Amino acid sequence: MKQIDVIAPNLKCRLSGVTATVVRLVPLQARMIGIVATGPGLPEHLPHVPVWRLPFLPRRTRVWHARRNTEMLLGLVLRDLLRMRLRLLFTSASQRQHSGYTKWLIGKMDRIVATSSRTASYLEREADVILHGIDTQSFTPAPDRMALRAQLGLPTKGLLVGCYGRIRAQKGTDAFVDAMIAALPSRPGVTAVVMGRAVGEHARFLGGLKEKVAQAGLAGRILFQPEVDVDQMADWYRVLDLYVAPQRWEGFGLTPIEAMACGVPVVATRVGAFEEIVTPETGALVAPGKPQALAEAAAMFLDDPDRLDAAREAARLRAQSAFALEREAEALVAIYREMLA
C-alpha cells in the first residue's frame, strides 16, 4: 500500500448516502493521493485499513475526513487521547440547526466542507462549499429508451414520470402520488413509476399510497416497483421522460443529478441542494409539500414536447459540466493537500 495521507472513516454498516459517497470517491481519489477508508461493511475493492490498526500506523501527519458525528468523535479520540498526528476535516450535509453537541464537535475540527451553500448557512464558522458529483460515464442517456422499457417490463408507449428513493413522508412520496393522481386523468399517455424501499413504520405508509391510487382508479398507471441494486439504477433513469424529486427535507440529494446525467429533466422541491442543481433550462422548482404545484410544474414539460426535448439536452450538459465526480474528488484532494502542508 502506498503512503497513507488521508483516512476516510465510514462507521456505519447499513448503506446510506455517506457510505455511497465514500465508496464512490475513495477509489478515484486514490489515483491522486494516498487515501484509505476505514470502518465495517465496505467493499473489498476499496483501499482500506481496519479501525483497530489505526493507532499502529507509522507516525506522520494525516487528514481524517469525517462525515458523521461518530467519526468526528473518533478523530478527536485518535488525535487527543492516542496522540495520532491528525488534521481533522468534517463534511456537513445537514440543513438544520445543529445540536450543542454537534456544534462542539464541529468547533474542534481544523476545517469544514459544506455540500451546498444552504448547508454552509447553518454552520457557525467558515466552510468550503463543494457540491457532490456523480459518475457521468455510468449515468448516460439510453440509445433506445423504448427498447429498454420493454426490457424492464414498463410501458413502451407514451411518457414516463419517475420518483425514486426511500418511501416515506420526509421524501415526499405521498406528494408525488397526489400530484400524479391530479395530473394523469387528463393525460392518458402518461404513466408514473414509484420505486424504492419502505421498511418498518414506512411499510404502512406505502400501503396507504397503494390504496389511494387504487381508489383513484389509477393502479395500472401509477406503478410501484421494489428497490433495485445500485448498479441497475442508471437504466431506471434512462427510461424516464421526466423525474420528480418531491422531498420535504433533504441533506443534499443526488437523484436529480443522476436523472439529469441520463438526459432526464427534473421537477424538484426547494430543499437540499436542489436549488443549486436544477435550473429553468433543466427543469423546475416548487415549494415542498405542494402536490398541486408539482403537478403543474410537471405538466409544463409533459404537455410541451419541444420544451421537454430542449430540457433533455440541457440536463445532460449541466450534469457533465457541473457535477462530474472528478470535479468533487479534485476539490477535496486540493483541501487535503492544503491541510497536509
C-alpha atoms as a PDB file:
ATOM      1  CA  MET A   1       0.000   0.000   0.000  1.00  0.00           C
ATOM      2  CA  LYS A   2       1.251   3.486  -0.829  1.00  0.00           C
ATOM      3  CA  GLN A   3       1.893   6.102   1.831  1.00  0.00           C
ATOM      4  CA  ILE A   4      -1.315   6.975   3.668  1.00  0.00           C
ATOM      5  CA  ASP A   5      -2.029  10.719   3.723  1.00  0.00           C
ATOM      6  CA  VAL A   6      -5.824  10.677   4.201  1.00  0.00           C
ATOM      7  CA  ILE A   7      -8.198   8.428   6.154  1.00  0.00           C
ATOM      8  CA  ALA A   8     -11.904   8.408   5.245  1.00  0.00           C
ATOM      9  CA  PRO A   9     -13.913   6.718   8.029  1.00  0.00           C
ATOM     10  CA  ASN A  10     -17.308   5.117   7.446  1.00  0.00           C
ATOM     11  CA  LEU A  11     -18.651   3.956  10.802  1.00  0.00           C
ATOM     12  CA  LYS A  12     -21.988   2.589   9.636  1.00  0.00           C
ATOM     13  CA  CYS A  13     -22.697  -0.884   8.257  1.00  0.00           C
ATOM     14  CA  ARG A  14     -26.016  -0.052   6.583  1.00  0.00           C
ATOM     15  CA  LEU A  15     -25.967   1.526   3.150  1.00  0.00           C
ATOM     16  CA  SER A  16     -26.502   5.282   3.374  1.00  0.00           C
ATOM     17  CA  GLY A  17     -25.741   8.413   1.393  1.00  0.00           C
ATOM     18  CA  VAL A  18     -22.500   8.899   3.340  1.00  0.00           C
ATOM     19  CA  THR A  19     -21.424   5.311   2.667  1.00  0.00           C
ATOM     20  CA  ALA A  20     -22.185   5.750  -1.033  1.00  0.00           C
ATOM     21  CA  THR A  21     -20.114   8.935  -1.066  1.00  0.00           C
ATOM     22  CA  VAL A  22     -17.099   7.205   0.480  1.00  0.00           C
ATOM     23  CA  VAL A  23     -17.375   4.202  -1.857  1.00  0.00           C
ATOM     24  CA  ARG A  24     -17.730   6.497  -4.875  1.00  0.00           C
ATOM     25  CA  LEU A  25     -14.930   8.932  -4.080  1.00  0.00           C
ATOM     26  CA  VAL A  26     -12.107   6.986  -2.450  1.00  0.00           C
ATOM     27  CA  PRO A  27     -11.101   4.850  -5.477  1.00  0.00           C
ATOM     28  CA  LEU A  28     -10.968   7.975  -7.636  1.00  0.00           C
ATOM     29  CA  GLN A  29      -9.065   9.991  -5.033  1.00  0.00           C
ATOM     30  CA  ALA A  30      -6.608   7.123  -4.571  1.00  0.00           C
ATOM     31  CA  ARG A  31      -5.250   7.948  -8.037  1.00  0.00           C
ATOM     32  CA  MET A  32      -4.376  11.433  -6.784  1.00  0.00           C
ATOM     33  CA  ILE A  33      -3.276  10.976  -3.156  1.00  0.00           C
ATOM     34  CA  GLY A  34      -2.626   8.239  -0.609  1.00  0.00           C
ATOM     35  CA  ILE A  35      -6.107   7.669   0.827  1.00  0.00           C
ATOM     36  CA  VAL A  36      -7.747   4.729   2.587  1.00  0.00           C
ATOM     37  CA  ALA A  37     -11.183   4.118   4.045  1.00  0.00           C
ATOM     38  CA  THR A  38     -11.794   2.560   7.454  1.00  0.00           C
ATOM     39  CA  GLY A  39     -14.876   1.026   9.042  1.00  0.00           C
ATOM     40  CA  PRO A  40     -17.173  -2.004   8.718  1.00  0.00           C
ATOM     41  CA  GLY A  41     -19.020  -3.331   5.712  1.00  0.00           C
ATOM     42  CA  LEU A  42     -17.014  -1.607   2.980  1.00  0.00           C
ATOM     43  CA  PRO A  43     -16.469  -3.236  -0.450  1.00  0.00           C
ATOM     44  CA  GLU A  44     -13.314  -5.321  -0.793  1.00  0.00           C
ATOM     45  CA  HIS A  45     -12.049  -3.272  -3.739  1.00  0.00           C
ATOM     46  CA  LEU A  46     -11.809  -0.125  -1.602  1.00  0.00           C
ATOM     47  CA  PRO A  47      -8.342   0.864  -0.251  1.00  0.00           C
ATOM     48  CA  HIS A  48      -8.939   0.030   3.399  1.00  0.00           C
ATOM     49  CA  VAL A  49      -7.342  -0.136   6.854  1.00  0.00           C
ATOM     50  CA  PRO A  50      -9.158  -1.802   9.795  1.00  0.00           C
ATOM     51  CA  VAL A  51     -10.089   0.570  12.626  1.00  0.00           C
ATOM     52  CA  TRP A  52      -8.014  -1.390  15.146  1.00  0.00           C
ATOM     53  CA  ARG A  53      -4.859  -0.804  13.086  1.00  0.00           C
ATOM     54  CA  LEU A  54      -5.136   2.981  13.029  1.00  0.00           C
ATOM     55  CA  PRO A  55      -3.096   3.679  16.207  1.00  0.00           C
ATOM     56  CA  PHE A  56      -0.310   1.446  14.879  1.00  0.00           C
ATOM     57  CA  LEU A  57       0.191   3.217  11.536  1.00  0.00           C
ATOM     58  CA  PRO A  58       3.633   4.793  11.005  1.00  0.00           C
ATOM     59  CA  ARG A  59       3.687   8.134  12.765  1.00  0.00           C
ATOM     60  CA  ARG A  60       3.133  11.029  10.365  1.00  0.00           C
ATOM     61  CA  THR A  61       0.612  13.807   9.724  1.00  0.00           C
ATOM     62  CA  ARG A  62      -2.612  12.703   8.052  1.00  0.00           C
ATOM     63  CA  VAL A  63      -6.047  14.139   7.249  1.00  0.00           C
ATOM     64  CA  TRP A  64      -9.026  12.484   8.956  1.00  0.00           C
ATOM     65  CA  HIS A  65     -12.092  13.187   6.791  1.00  0.00           C
ATOM     66  CA  ALA A  66     -15.235  12.675   8.896  1.00  0.00           C
ATOM     67  CA  ARG A  67     -18.802  12.906   7.610  1.00  0.00           C
ATOM     68  CA  ARG A  68     -20.737  11.918  10.771  1.00  0.00           C
ATOM     69  CA  ASN A  69     -20.701  12.902  14.460  1.00  0.00           C
ATOM     70  CA  THR A  70     -19.332   9.497  15.442  1.00  0.00           C
ATOM     71  CA  GLU A  71     -16.473   9.936  13.002  1.00  0.00           C
ATOM     72  CA  MET A  72     -15.639  13.407  14.309  1.00  0.00           C
ATOM     73  CA  LEU A  73     -15.587  11.962  17.846  1.00  0.00           C
ATOM     74  CA  LEU A  74     -13.316   9.082  16.850  1.00  0.00           C
ATOM     75  CA  GLY A  75     -10.977  11.539  15.146  1.00  0.00           C
ATOM     76  CA  LEU A  76     -10.760  13.527  18.393  1.00  0.00           C
ATOM     77  CA  VAL A  77     -10.038  10.357  20.384  1.00  0.00           C
ATOM     78  CA  LEU A  78      -7.295   9.297  17.986  1.00  0.00           C
ATOM     79  CA  ARG A  79      -5.743  12.772  17.956  1.00  0.00           C
ATOM     80  CA  ASP A  80      -6.123  13.941  21.552  1.00  0.00           C
ATOM     81  CA  LEU A  81      -6.004  10.675  23.516  1.00  0.00           C
ATOM     82  CA  LEU A  82      -3.926   8.369  21.339  1.00  0.00           C
ATOM     83  CA  ARG A  83      -1.752  11.235  20.074  1.00  0.00           C
ATOM     84  CA  MET A  84      -2.026  10.433  16.381  1.00  0.00           C
ATOM     85  CA  ARG A  85      -0.917  13.334  14.204  1.00  0.00           C
ATOM     86  CA  LEU A  86      -4.254  14.088  12.551  1.00  0.00           C
ATOM     87  CA  ARG A  87      -5.710  17.138  10.884  1.00  0.00           C
ATOM     88  CA  LEU A  88      -9.496  16.890  11.213  1.00  0.00           C
ATOM     89  CA  LEU A  89     -11.862  17.682   8.327  1.00  0.00           C
ATOM     90  CA  PHE A  90     -15.656  17.427   8.501  1.00  0.00           C
ATOM     91  CA  THR A  91     -18.123  17.469   5.630  1.00  0.00           C
ATOM     92  CA  SER A  92     -21.590  18.711   6.617  1.00  0.00           C
ATOM     93  CA  ALA A  93     -24.697  17.952   4.549  1.00  0.00           C
ATOM     94  CA  SER A  94     -27.255  18.900   7.209  1.00  0.00           C
ATOM     95  CA  GLN A  95     -29.696  21.761   6.643  1.00  0.00           C
ATOM     96  CA  ARG A  96     -30.970  22.411  10.146  1.00  0.00           C
ATOM     97  CA  GLN A  97     -29.759  23.997  13.356  1.00  0.00           C
ATOM     98  CA  HIS A  98     -27.136  21.782  14.942  1.00  0.00           C
ATOM     99  CA  SER A  99     -27.372  20.463  18.489  1.00  0.00           C
ATOM    100  CA  GLY A 100     -24.992  21.757  21.114  1.00  0.00           C
ATOM    101  CA  TYR A 101     -23.040  18.502  20.940  1.00  0.00           C
ATOM    102  CA  THR A 102     -22.635  18.706  17.155  1.00  0.00           C
ATOM    103  CA  LYS A 103     -21.585  22.368  17.404  1.00  0.00           C
ATOM    104  CA  TRP A 104     -18.951  21.366  19.951  1.00  0.00           C
ATOM    105  CA  LEU A 105     -17.613  18.642  17.642  1.00  0.00           C
ATOM    106  CA  ILE A 106     -17.561  20.983  14.637  1.00  0.00           C
ATOM    107  CA  GLY A 107     -15.708  23.568  16.711  1.00  0.00           C
ATOM    108  CA  LYS A 108     -12.908  21.034  17.248  1.00  0.00           C
ATOM    109  CA  MET A 109     -12.383  20.431  13.529  1.00  0.00           C
ATOM    110  CA  ASP A 110      -9.486  22.018  11.656  1.00  0.00           C
ATOM    111  CA  ARG A 111     -11.543  22.637   8.536  1.00  0.00           C
ATOM    112  CA  ILE A 112     -15.138  22.288   7.311  1.00  0.00           C
ATOM    113  CA  VAL A 113     -16.684  21.437   3.938  1.00  0.00           C
ATOM    114  CA  ALA A 114     -20.389  22.034   3.211  1.00  0.00           C
ATOM    115  CA  THR A 115     -22.171  20.175   0.423  1.00  0.00           C
ATOM    116  CA  SER A 116     -24.207  23.252  -0.584  1.00  0.00           C
ATOM    117  CA  SER A 117     -24.445  26.960   0.092  1.00  0.00           C
ATOM    118  CA  ARG A 118     -27.629  26.386   2.113  1.00  0.00           C
ATOM    119  CA  THR A 119     -25.813  23.824   4.264  1.00  0.00           C
ATOM    120  CA  ALA A 120     -22.998  26.313   4.831  1.00  0.00           C
ATOM    121  CA  SER A 121     -25.516  28.871   6.108  1.00  0.00           C
ATOM    122  CA  TYR A 122     -26.302  26.610   9.091  1.00  0.00           C
ATOM    123  CA  LEU A 123     -22.666  26.459  10.170  1.00  0.00           C
ATOM    124  CA  GLU A 124     -21.317  28.984  12.625  1.00  0.00           C
ATOM    125  CA  ARG A 125     -17.882  29.035  11.032  1.00  0.00           C
ATOM    126  CA  GLU A 126     -16.326  29.375   7.603  1.00  0.00           C
ATOM    127  CA  ALA A 127     -16.711  26.414   5.259  1.00  0.00           C
ATOM    128  CA  ASP A 128     -15.638  25.439   1.749  1.00  0.00           C
ATOM    129  CA  VAL A 129     -18.654  24.601  -0.438  1.00  0.00           C
ATOM    130  CA  ILE A 130     -18.141  21.510  -2.607  1.00  0.00           C
ATOM    131  CA  LEU A 131     -21.205  20.070  -4.338  1.00  0.00           C
ATOM    132  CA  HIS A 132     -21.443  16.312  -4.728  1.00  0.00           C
ATOM    133  CA  GLY A 133     -20.789  14.757  -8.109  1.00  0.00           C
ATOM    134  CA  ILE A 134     -21.649  11.503  -9.879  1.00  0.00           C
ATOM    135  CA  ASP A 135     -20.042   9.233 -12.441  1.00  0.00           C
ATOM    136  CA  THR A 136     -21.327  10.782 -15.654  1.00  0.00           C
ATOM    137  CA  GLN A 137     -19.786   7.904 -17.628  1.00  0.00           C
ATOM    138  CA  SER A 138     -22.091   5.413 -15.881  1.00  0.00           C
ATOM    139  CA  PHE A 139     -25.193   7.626 -15.904  1.00  0.00           C
ATOM    140  CA  THR A 140     -25.843   8.330 -19.580  1.00  0.00           C
ATOM    141  CA  PRO A 141     -28.899   8.639 -21.874  1.00  0.00           C
ATOM    142  CA  ALA A 142     -30.381   5.475 -23.392  1.00  0.00           C
ATOM    143  CA  PRO A 143     -29.666   4.767 -27.078  1.00  0.00           C
ATOM    144  CA  ASP A 144     -33.190   3.299 -27.344  1.00  0.00           C
ATOM    145  CA  ARG A 145     -35.482   4.296 -24.476  1.00  0.00           C
ATOM    146  CA  MET A 146     -38.456   2.200 -25.600  1.00  0.00           C
ATOM    147  CA  ALA A 147     -36.394  -0.967 -26.034  1.00  0.00           C
ATOM    148  CA  LEU A 148     -35.029  -0.508 -22.533  1.00  0.00           C
ATOM    149  CA  ARG A 149     -38.560  -0.004 -21.185  1.00  0.00           C
ATOM    150  CA  ALA A 150     -39.618  -3.302 -22.742  1.00  0.00           C
ATOM    151  CA  GLN A 151     -36.631  -4.990 -21.121  1.00  0.00           C
ATOM    152  CA  LEU A 152     -37.665  -3.628 -17.708  1.00  0.00           C
ATOM    153  CA  GLY A 153     -41.325  -4.536 -18.159  1.00  0.00           C
ATOM    154  CA  LEU A 154     -42.522  -0.938 -18.463  1.00  0.00           C
ATOM    155  CA  PRO A 155     -44.988   0.622 -20.969  1.00  0.00           C
ATOM    156  CA  THR A 156     -43.412   1.129 -24.381  1.00  0.00           C
ATOM    157  CA  LYS A 157     -45.727   3.945 -25.438  1.00  0.00           C
ATOM    158  CA  GLY A 158     -46.317   7.402 -24.054  1.00  0.00           C
ATOM    159  CA  LEU A 159     -44.430   9.392 -21.426  1.00  0.00           C
ATOM    160  CA  LEU A 160     -42.971   8.030 -18.211  1.00  0.00           C
ATOM    161  CA  VAL A 161     -42.536  10.065 -14.989  1.00  0.00           C
ATOM    162  CA  GLY A 162     -40.495   8.668 -12.120  1.00  0.00           C
ATOM    163  CA  CYS A 163     -39.840   9.205  -8.416  1.00  0.00           C
ATOM    164  CA  TYR A 164     -37.134   7.024  -6.806  1.00  0.00           C
ATOM    165  CA  GLY A 165     -35.694   6.592  -3.333  1.00  0.00           C
ATOM    166  CA  ARG A 166     -36.780   5.621   0.169  1.00  0.00           C
ATOM    167  CA  ILE A 167     -40.560   5.703   0.509  1.00  0.00           C
ATOM    168  CA  ARG A 168     -41.567   7.881   3.442  1.00  0.00           C
ATOM    169  CA  ALA A 169     -43.217  11.226   4.195  1.00  0.00           C
ATOM    170  CA  GLN A 170     -39.861  13.027   4.530  1.00  0.00           C
ATOM    171  CA  LYS A 171     -39.071  12.045   0.945  1.00  0.00           C
ATOM    172  CA  GLY A 172     -42.436  13.385  -0.249  1.00  0.00           C
ATOM    173  CA  THR A 173     -43.528  10.146  -1.899  1.00  0.00           C
ATOM    174  CA  ASP A 174     -47.130  10.944  -0.983  1.00  0.00           C
ATOM    175  CA  ALA A 175     -46.831  14.385  -2.597  1.00  0.00           C
ATOM    176  CA  PHE A 176     -45.668  12.738  -5.824  1.00  0.00           C
ATOM    177  CA  VAL A 177     -48.534  10.255  -5.744  1.00  0.00           C
ATOM    178  CA  ASP A 178     -51.059  13.041  -5.108  1.00  0.00           C
ATOM    179  CA  ALA A 179     -49.548  15.089  -7.936  1.00  0.00           C
ATOM    180  CA  MET A 180     -49.858  12.165 -10.347  1.00  0.00           C
ATOM    181  CA  ILE A 181     -53.434  11.463  -9.247  1.00  0.00           C
ATOM    182  CA  ALA A 182     -54.176  15.081 -10.193  1.00  0.00           C
ATOM    183  CA  ALA A 183     -52.213  15.092 -13.472  1.00  0.00           C
ATOM    184  CA  LEU A 184     -52.783  11.694 -15.063  1.00  0.00           C
ATOM    185  CA  PRO A 185     -56.573  11.535 -15.651  1.00  0.00           C
ATOM    186  CA  SER A 186     -56.409  14.273 -18.295  1.00  0.00           C
ATOM    187  CA  ARG A 187     -53.193  12.827 -19.807  1.00  0.00           C
ATOM    188  CA  PRO A 188     -53.932   9.255 -20.921  1.00  0.00           C
ATOM    189  CA  GLY A 189     -50.482   8.885 -22.488  1.00  0.00           C
ATOM    190  CA  VAL A 190     -48.559   9.368 -19.210  1.00  0.00           C
ATOM    191  CA  THR A 191     -47.531   6.663 -16.727  1.00  0.00           C
ATOM    192  CA  ALA A 192     -45.852   7.236 -13.337  1.00  0.00           C
ATOM    193  CA  VAL A 193     -43.366   4.978 -11.539  1.00  0.00           C
ATOM    194  CA  VAL A 194     -42.623   4.988  -7.804  1.00  0.00           C
ATOM    195  CA  MET A 195     -39.581   2.913  -6.897  1.00  0.00           C
ATOM    196  CA  GLY A 196     -37.907   2.406  -3.551  1.00  0.00           C
ATOM    197  CA  ARG A 197     -37.832   0.692  -0.202  1.00  0.00           C
ATOM    198  CA  ALA A 198     -40.289   1.083   2.671  1.00  0.00           C
ATOM    199  CA  VAL A 199     -39.334  -0.672   5.902  1.00  0.00           C
ATOM    200  CA  GLY A 200     -40.755  -0.697   9.433  1.00  0.00           C
ATOM    201  CA  GLU A 201     -43.323   2.007  10.037  1.00  0.00           C
ATOM    202  CA  HIS A 202     -42.971   3.198   6.447  1.00  0.00           C
ATOM    203  CA  ALA A 203     -44.409  -0.062   5.080  1.00  0.00           C
ATOM    204  CA  ARG A 204     -47.849   1.053   6.298  1.00  0.00           C
ATOM    205  CA  PHE A 205     -47.258   4.437   4.634  1.00  0.00           C
ATOM    206  CA  LEU A 206     -46.585   2.656   1.326  1.00  0.00           C
ATOM    207  CA  GLY A 207     -49.692   0.532   1.766  1.00  0.00           C
ATOM    208  CA  GLY A 208     -51.776   3.678   2.183  1.00  0.00           C
ATOM    209  CA  LEU A 209     -50.356   5.135  -1.033  1.00  0.00           C
ATOM    210  CA  LYS A 210     -51.201   1.999  -2.998  1.00  0.00           C
ATOM    211  CA  GLU A 211     -54.734   2.054  -1.611  1.00  0.00           C
ATOM    212  CA  LYS A 212     -55.157   5.733  -2.561  1.00  0.00           C
ATOM    213  CA  VAL A 213     -54.003   5.001  -6.122  1.00  0.00           C
ATOM    214  CA  ALA A 214     -56.399   2.074  -6.405  1.00  0.00           C
ATOM    215  CA  GLN A 215     -59.321   4.193  -5.176  1.00  0.00           C
ATOM    216  CA  ALA A 216     -58.452   6.786  -7.838  1.00  0.00           C
ATOM    217  CA  GLY A 217     -58.681   4.063 -10.493  1.00  0.00           C
ATOM    218  CA  LEU A 218     -55.018   4.540 -11.476  1.00  0.00           C
ATOM    219  CA  ALA A 219     -53.456   1.258 -10.310  1.00  0.00           C
ATOM    220  CA  GLY A 220     -52.366   0.475 -13.867  1.00  0.00           C
ATOM    221  CA  ARG A 221     -50.852   3.928 -14.432  1.00  0.00           C
ATOM    222  CA  ILE A 222     -49.087   4.707 -11.153  1.00  0.00           C
ATOM    223  CA  LEU A 223     -46.775   1.744 -10.781  1.00  0.00           C
ATOM    224  CA  PHE A 224     -44.941   0.725  -7.611  1.00  0.00           C
ATOM    225  CA  GLN A 225     -41.598  -1.013  -8.087  1.00  0.00           C
ATOM    226  CA  PRO A 226     -39.271  -2.539  -5.462  1.00  0.00           C
ATOM    227  CA  GLU A 227     -35.822  -1.079  -4.851  1.00  0.00           C
ATOM    228  CA  VAL A 228     -33.134  -2.278  -7.270  1.00  0.00           C
ATOM    229  CA  ASP A 229     -29.387  -2.654  -6.832  1.00  0.00           C
ATOM    230  CA  VAL A 230     -27.255   0.454  -7.237  1.00  0.00           C
ATOM    231  CA  ASP A 231     -25.679  -0.862 -10.447  1.00  0.00           C
ATOM    232  CA  GLN A 232     -29.147  -1.071 -12.052  1.00  0.00           C
ATOM    233  CA  MET A 233     -30.270   2.452 -11.202  1.00  0.00           C
ATOM    234  CA  ALA A 234     -28.965   4.133 -14.348  1.00  0.00           C
ATOM    235  CA  ASP A 235     -31.306   2.047 -16.522  1.00  0.00           C
ATOM    236  CA  TRP A 236     -34.309   3.113 -14.441  1.00  0.00           C
ATOM    237  CA  TYR A 237     -33.466   6.776 -15.004  1.00  0.00           C
ATOM    238  CA  ARG A 238     -32.819   6.227 -18.729  1.00  0.00           C
ATOM    239  CA  VAL A 239     -36.372   5.026 -19.387  1.00  0.00           C
ATOM    240  CA  LEU A 240     -37.910   8.235 -17.991  1.00  0.00           C
ATOM    241  CA  ASP A 241     -39.113  11.374 -19.744  1.00  0.00           C
ATOM    242  CA  LEU A 242     -39.332  13.373 -16.508  1.00  0.00           C
ATOM    243  CA  TYR A 243     -38.041  12.857 -12.975  1.00  0.00           C
ATOM    244  CA  VAL A 244     -39.696  14.310  -9.875  1.00  0.00           C
ATOM    245  CA  ALA A 245     -37.833  14.884  -6.588  1.00  0.00           C
ATOM    246  CA  PRO A 246     -40.657  15.778  -4.143  1.00  0.00           C
ATOM    247  CA  GLN A 247     -38.717  15.768  -0.859  1.00  0.00           C
ATOM    248  CA  ARG A 248     -39.917  17.742   2.151  1.00  0.00           C
ATOM    249  CA  TRP A 249     -36.377  17.685   3.585  1.00  0.00           C
ATOM    250  CA  GLU A 250     -33.045  16.604   2.122  1.00  0.00           C
ATOM    251  CA  GLY A 251     -29.410  16.861   3.144  1.00  0.00           C
ATOM    252  CA  PHE A 252     -28.115  17.082  -0.423  1.00  0.00           C
ATOM    253  CA  GLY A 253     -29.956  14.756  -2.803  1.00  0.00           C
ATOM    254  CA  LEU A 254     -28.167  13.013  -5.676  1.00  0.00           C
ATOM    255  CA  THR A 255     -31.168  11.677  -7.577  1.00  0.00           C
ATOM    256  CA  PRO A 256     -31.792  14.870  -9.630  1.00  0.00           C
ATOM    257  CA  ILE A 257     -28.173  14.836 -10.810  1.00  0.00           C
ATOM    258  CA  GLU A 258     -28.345  11.143 -11.698  1.00  0.00           C
ATOM    259  CA  ALA A 259     -31.525  11.743 -13.691  1.00  0.00           C
ATOM    260  CA  MET A 260     -30.081  14.799 -15.455  1.00  0.00           C
ATOM    261  CA  ALA A 261     -26.936  12.883 -16.415  1.00  0.00           C
ATOM    262  CA  CYS A 262     -29.234  10.390 -18.143  1.00  0.00           C
ATOM    263  CA  GLY A 263     -30.813  13.224 -20.123  1.00  0.00           C
ATOM    264  CA  VAL A 264     -33.953  13.483 -17.973  1.00  0.00           C
ATOM    265  CA  PRO A 265     -35.395  16.892 -16.946  1.00  0.00           C
ATOM    266  CA  VAL A 266     -36.217  17.292 -13.238  1.00  0.00           C
ATOM    267  CA  VAL A 267     -39.052  18.864 -11.258  1.00  0.00           C
ATOM    268  CA  ALA A 268     -37.832  19.257  -7.669  1.00  0.00           C
ATOM    269  CA  THR A 269     -38.733  20.926  -4.408  1.00  0.00           C
ATOM    270  CA  ARG A 270     -36.694  23.782  -2.953  1.00  0.00           C
ATOM    271  CA  VAL A 271     -34.834  21.663  -0.400  1.00  0.00           C
ATOM    272  CA  GLY A 272     -31.351  20.214  -0.080  1.00  0.00           C
ATOM    273  CA  ALA A 273     -29.060  21.356  -2.854  1.00  0.00           C
ATOM    274  CA  PHE A 274     -31.824  21.212  -5.461  1.00  0.00           C
ATOM    275  CA  GLU A 275     -31.840  24.988  -5.999  1.00  0.00           C
ATOM    276  CA  GLU A 276     -28.150  24.745  -6.913  1.00  0.00           C
ATOM    277  CA  ILE A 277     -28.733  21.761  -9.206  1.00  0.00           C
ATOM    278  CA  VAL A 278     -31.936  22.394 -11.185  1.00  0.00           C
ATOM    279  CA  THR A 279     -32.134  25.417 -13.493  1.00  0.00           C
ATOM    280  CA  PRO A 280     -35.048  26.748 -15.596  1.00  0.00           C
ATOM    281  CA  GLU A 281     -33.403  25.138 -18.620  1.00  0.00           C
ATOM    282  CA  THR A 282     -33.175  21.690 -16.983  1.00  0.00           C
ATOM    283  CA  GLY A 283     -36.460  21.575 -15.073  1.00  0.00           C
ATOM    284  CA  ALA A 284     -38.478  23.430 -12.465  1.00  0.00           C
ATOM    285  CA  LEU A 285     -38.513  24.093  -8.708  1.00  0.00           C
ATOM    286  CA  VAL A 286     -41.539  24.292  -6.402  1.00  0.00           C
ATOM    287  CA  ALA A 287     -42.178  24.622  -2.682  1.00  0.00           C
ATOM    288  CA  PRO A 288     -42.100  21.348  -0.705  1.00  0.00           C
ATOM    289  CA  GLY A 289     -45.323  19.662   0.347  1.00  0.00           C
ATOM    290  CA  LYS A 290     -47.378  21.126  -2.534  1.00  0.00           C
ATOM    291  CA  PRO A 291     -48.733  18.303  -4.757  1.00  0.00           C
ATOM    292  CA  GLN A 292     -50.672  20.685  -6.993  1.00  0.00           C
ATOM    293  CA  ALA A 293     -47.519  22.726  -7.644  1.00  0.00           C
ATOM    294  CA  LEU A 294     -45.669  19.513  -8.542  1.00  0.00           C
ATOM    295  CA  ALA A 295     -48.474  18.543 -10.927  1.00  0.00           C
ATOM    296  CA  GLU A 296     -48.470  21.953 -12.613  1.00  0.00           C
ATOM    297  CA  ALA A 297     -44.680  22.027 -12.979  1.00  0.00           C
ATOM    298  CA  ALA A 298     -44.665  18.516 -14.449  1.00  0.00           C
ATOM    299  CA  ALA A 299     -47.433  19.494 -16.877  1.00  0.00           C
ATOM    300  CA  MET A 300     -45.243  22.260 -18.344  1.00  0.00           C
ATOM    301  CA  PHE A 301     -42.981  19.523 -19.728  1.00  0.00           C
ATOM    302  CA  LEU A 302     -45.470  16.718 -20.311  1.00  0.00           C
ATOM    303  CA  ASP A 303     -47.664  18.989 -22.430  1.00  0.00           C
ATOM    304  CA  ASP A 304     -44.867  20.617 -24.438  1.00  0.00           C
ATOM    305  CA  PRO A 305     -42.720  18.182 -26.470  1.00  0.00           C
ATOM    306  CA  ASP A 306     -40.352  20.916 -27.651  1.00  0.00           C
ATOM    307  CA  ARG A 307     -39.710  22.127 -24.119  1.00  0.00           C
ATOM    308  CA  LEU A 308     -39.174  18.552 -22.960  1.00  0.00           C
ATOM    309  CA  ASP A 309     -36.644  17.834 -25.712  1.00  0.00           C
ATOM    310  CA  ALA A 310     -34.700  21.041 -25.038  1.00  0.00           C
ATOM    311  CA  ALA A 311     -34.594  20.266 -21.318  1.00  0.00           C
ATOM    312  CA  ARG A 312     -33.268  16.745 -22.004  1.00  0.00           C
ATOM    313  CA  GLU A 313     -30.185  18.140 -23.737  1.00  0.00           C
ATOM    314  CA  ALA A 314     -29.671  20.915 -21.194  1.00  0.00           C
ATOM    315  CA  ALA A 315     -29.946  18.459 -18.291  1.00  0.00           C
ATOM    316  CA  ARG A 316     -27.249  16.172 -19.676  1.00  0.00           C
ATOM    317  CA  LEU A 317     -24.902  19.075 -20.421  1.00  0.00           C
ATOM    318  CA  ARG A 318     -25.348  20.572 -16.943  1.00  0.00           C
ATOM    319  CA  ALA A 319     -24.663  17.262 -15.213  1.00  0.00           C
ATOM    320  CA  GLN A 320     -21.485  16.783 -17.233  1.00  0.00           C
ATOM    321  CA  SER A 321     -20.163  20.308 -16.754  1.00  0.00           C
ATOM    322  CA  ALA A 322     -21.086  20.977 -13.110  1.00  0.00           C
ATOM    323  CA  PHE A 323     -21.473  17.629 -11.358  1.00  0.00           C
ATOM    324  CA  ALA A 324     -18.853  15.226 -12.674  1.00  0.00           C
ATOM    325  CA  LEU A 325     -17.467  13.086  -9.842  1.00  0.00           C
ATOM    326  CA  GLU A 326     -13.907  14.006 -10.835  1.00  0.00           C
ATOM    327  CA  ARG A 327     -14.654  17.634 -10.001  1.00  0.00           C
ATOM    328  CA  GLU A 328     -15.700  16.773  -6.435  1.00  0.00           C
ATOM    329  CA  ALA A 329     -12.735  14.432  -5.947  1.00  0.00           C
ATOM    330  CA  GLU A 330     -10.217  17.015  -7.175  1.00  0.00           C
ATOM    331  CA  ALA A 331     -11.671  19.784  -4.992  1.00  0.00           C
ATOM    332  CA  LEU A 332     -11.413  17.605  -1.891  1.00  0.00           C
ATOM    333  CA  VAL A 333      -7.887  16.458  -2.712  1.00  0.00           C
ATOM    334  CA  ALA A 334      -6.845  20.113  -3.047  1.00  0.00           C
ATOM    335  CA  ILE A 335      -8.121  20.711   0.506  1.00  0.00           C
ATOM    336  CA  TYR A 336      -6.302  17.601   1.766  1.00  0.00           C
ATOM    337  CA  ARG A 337      -3.038  18.925   0.306  1.00  0.00           C
ATOM    338  CA  GLU A 338      -3.543  22.339   1.897  1.00  0.00           C
ATOM    339  CA  MET A 339      -4.180  20.719   5.276  1.00  0.00           C
ATOM    340  CA  LEU A 340      -1.144  18.458   4.972  1.00  0.00           C
ATOM    341  CA  ALA A 341       1.002  21.443   4.052  1.00  0.00           C
END
